[in-house]
Protein backbone atom coordinates (compact mmCIF):
# COMPACT_ATOMS: atom_id res chain seq x y z
CA MET A 1 -77.74 -2.16 94.37
CA ALA A 2 -77.27 -2.14 98.08
CA GLU A 3 -80.23 -0.99 100.04
CA GLY A 4 -79.99 2.17 102.07
CA LYS A 5 -77.02 3.62 100.19
CA ASP A 6 -77.44 6.66 98.02
CA VAL A 7 -75.52 6.87 94.79
CA GLU A 8 -73.48 10.06 94.50
CA ARG A 9 -74.09 11.80 91.24
CA GLY A 10 -72.49 14.84 89.68
CA ARG A 11 -68.91 14.18 90.73
CA LYS A 12 -66.30 14.48 88.02
CA LEU A 13 -64.15 11.55 87.27
CA LEU A 14 -60.44 12.32 87.46
CA ILE A 15 -58.45 10.49 84.82
CA PRO A 16 -54.70 10.26 85.34
CA PRO A 17 -52.57 11.65 82.50
CA PHE A 18 -51.07 8.29 81.58
CA LEU A 19 -54.55 7.03 80.67
CA THR A 20 -55.48 9.96 78.43
CA PRO A 21 -54.97 9.56 74.69
CA GLN A 22 -51.56 10.80 73.60
CA GLN A 23 -51.35 13.48 70.98
CA GLU A 24 -49.11 12.61 68.13
CA LYS A 25 -45.83 14.50 68.41
CA LYS A 26 -44.34 15.90 65.25
CA GLU A 27 -40.91 14.59 64.49
CA GLN A 28 -38.43 17.42 64.62
CA ARG A 29 -35.38 17.21 62.42
CA LYS A 30 -32.10 18.32 63.86
CA THR A 31 -31.06 21.47 62.09
CA GLU A 32 -27.45 21.20 63.22
CA ARG A 33 -24.78 18.54 63.62
CA ARG A 34 -21.44 18.34 65.44
CA VAL A 35 -18.62 17.13 63.18
CA LYS A 36 -14.82 17.25 62.84
CA ILE A 37 -13.44 19.80 60.41
CA LYS A 38 -10.44 18.99 58.22
CA ALA A 39 -8.38 20.90 55.66
CA SER A 40 -8.12 19.67 52.09
CA GLU A 41 -6.14 21.16 49.21
CA ASP A 42 -8.69 20.11 46.55
CA VAL A 43 -11.49 22.22 48.08
CA GLU A 44 -12.08 25.78 46.82
CA ASP A 45 -12.39 28.77 49.14
CA GLY A 46 -15.96 29.30 50.34
CA VAL A 47 -16.93 25.65 49.79
CA ALA A 48 -17.50 22.92 52.37
CA LYS A 49 -17.54 19.26 51.32
CA LEU A 50 -20.07 17.20 53.25
CA PRO A 51 -20.75 13.46 53.31
CA PRO A 52 -24.20 12.42 52.05
CA ASP A 53 -25.53 11.35 55.48
CA ILE A 54 -24.89 14.76 57.07
CA HIS A 55 -26.26 16.52 53.97
CA ASP A 56 -29.48 14.50 54.26
CA ALA A 57 -29.69 15.03 58.04
CA LEU A 58 -29.54 18.79 57.54
CA ASP A 59 -32.38 18.55 54.98
CA LYS A 60 -30.20 19.07 51.88
CA PRO A 61 -29.14 22.71 52.26
CA ALA A 62 -27.41 24.75 49.54
CA GLU A 63 -25.44 26.66 52.20
CA VAL A 64 -24.29 25.78 55.71
CA GLU A 65 -22.99 27.87 58.56
CA ILE A 66 -19.98 26.50 60.44
CA ILE A 67 -19.64 27.61 64.04
CA ALA A 68 -16.25 27.06 65.65
CA PRO A 69 -15.84 27.15 69.43
CA GLY A 70 -14.03 30.12 70.82
CA GLY A 71 -14.74 30.37 74.53
CA SER A 72 -17.37 32.42 76.23
CA SER A 73 -19.55 33.88 73.47
CA HIS A 74 -16.59 34.29 71.08
CA GLU A 75 -17.77 31.76 68.57
CA LYS A 76 -16.52 32.17 65.04
CA LYS A 77 -19.12 31.74 62.29
CA LYS A 78 -18.74 31.44 58.55
CA VAL A 79 -21.13 30.52 55.71
CA PHE A 80 -20.06 27.99 53.06
CA ARG A 81 -21.57 26.63 49.85
CA VAL A 82 -22.22 22.88 50.03
CA VAL A 83 -20.67 20.21 47.83
CA VAL A 84 -21.64 16.60 48.57
CA SER A 85 -18.94 13.95 48.19
CA ASP A 86 -19.13 10.19 48.76
CA LYS A 87 -15.39 10.03 49.46
CA ILE A 88 -15.68 11.91 52.77
CA PRO A 89 -16.11 9.76 55.89
CA SER A 90 -19.18 10.25 58.04
CA GLY A 91 -18.73 12.73 60.88
CA GLU A 92 -16.22 14.91 59.02
CA ILE A 93 -16.34 17.90 56.69
CA TYR A 94 -13.60 19.30 54.47
CA VAL A 95 -12.82 22.96 53.82
CA SER A 96 -9.79 24.68 52.30
CA SER A 97 -6.77 25.29 54.50
CA ASN A 98 -7.17 29.08 54.00
CA GLU A 99 -10.74 28.96 55.34
CA LEU A 100 -9.63 26.81 58.28
CA ARG A 101 -7.00 29.42 59.12
CA ALA A 102 -9.58 32.23 58.74
CA LEU A 103 -11.86 30.46 61.23
CA GLY A 104 -8.92 30.20 63.60
CA VAL A 105 -9.32 26.51 64.42
CA ALA A 106 -6.97 23.57 64.17
CA GLU A 107 -7.60 20.50 62.07
CA ASN A 108 -9.80 17.81 63.69
CA THR A 109 -11.62 20.40 65.82
CA VAL A 110 -15.26 19.57 66.54
CA VAL A 111 -17.47 22.29 65.05
CA THR A 112 -21.23 22.76 64.65
CA VAL A 113 -22.65 22.66 61.12
CA ARG A 114 -26.01 24.39 60.80
CA LYS A 115 -28.38 24.71 57.86
CA LYS A 116 -28.38 28.29 56.61
């Protein structure tokens, strides 16, 4: 050690945040997806047909809530039973034409599908 210099003791060492150990973040699953809604004649009333990838992404629900846009806080919501079908393309869901009319949206409208 250098002569004549006193060592300072008792000071706290400041560690920048990027050097501190990171806490493991829990992976959060998305509980909703944005998809196109289409009408199909082979779907019963009260049923929504989902592709397997969206069904898995929503954590395999038995019921989903479909929220259609409607302007400032006038969203239209409806709950459907889920039927999974491999024939449906990814990013789309099928409901009956009566239910589509009841929601008040046109075909190919982007809606939010949420696990109920």
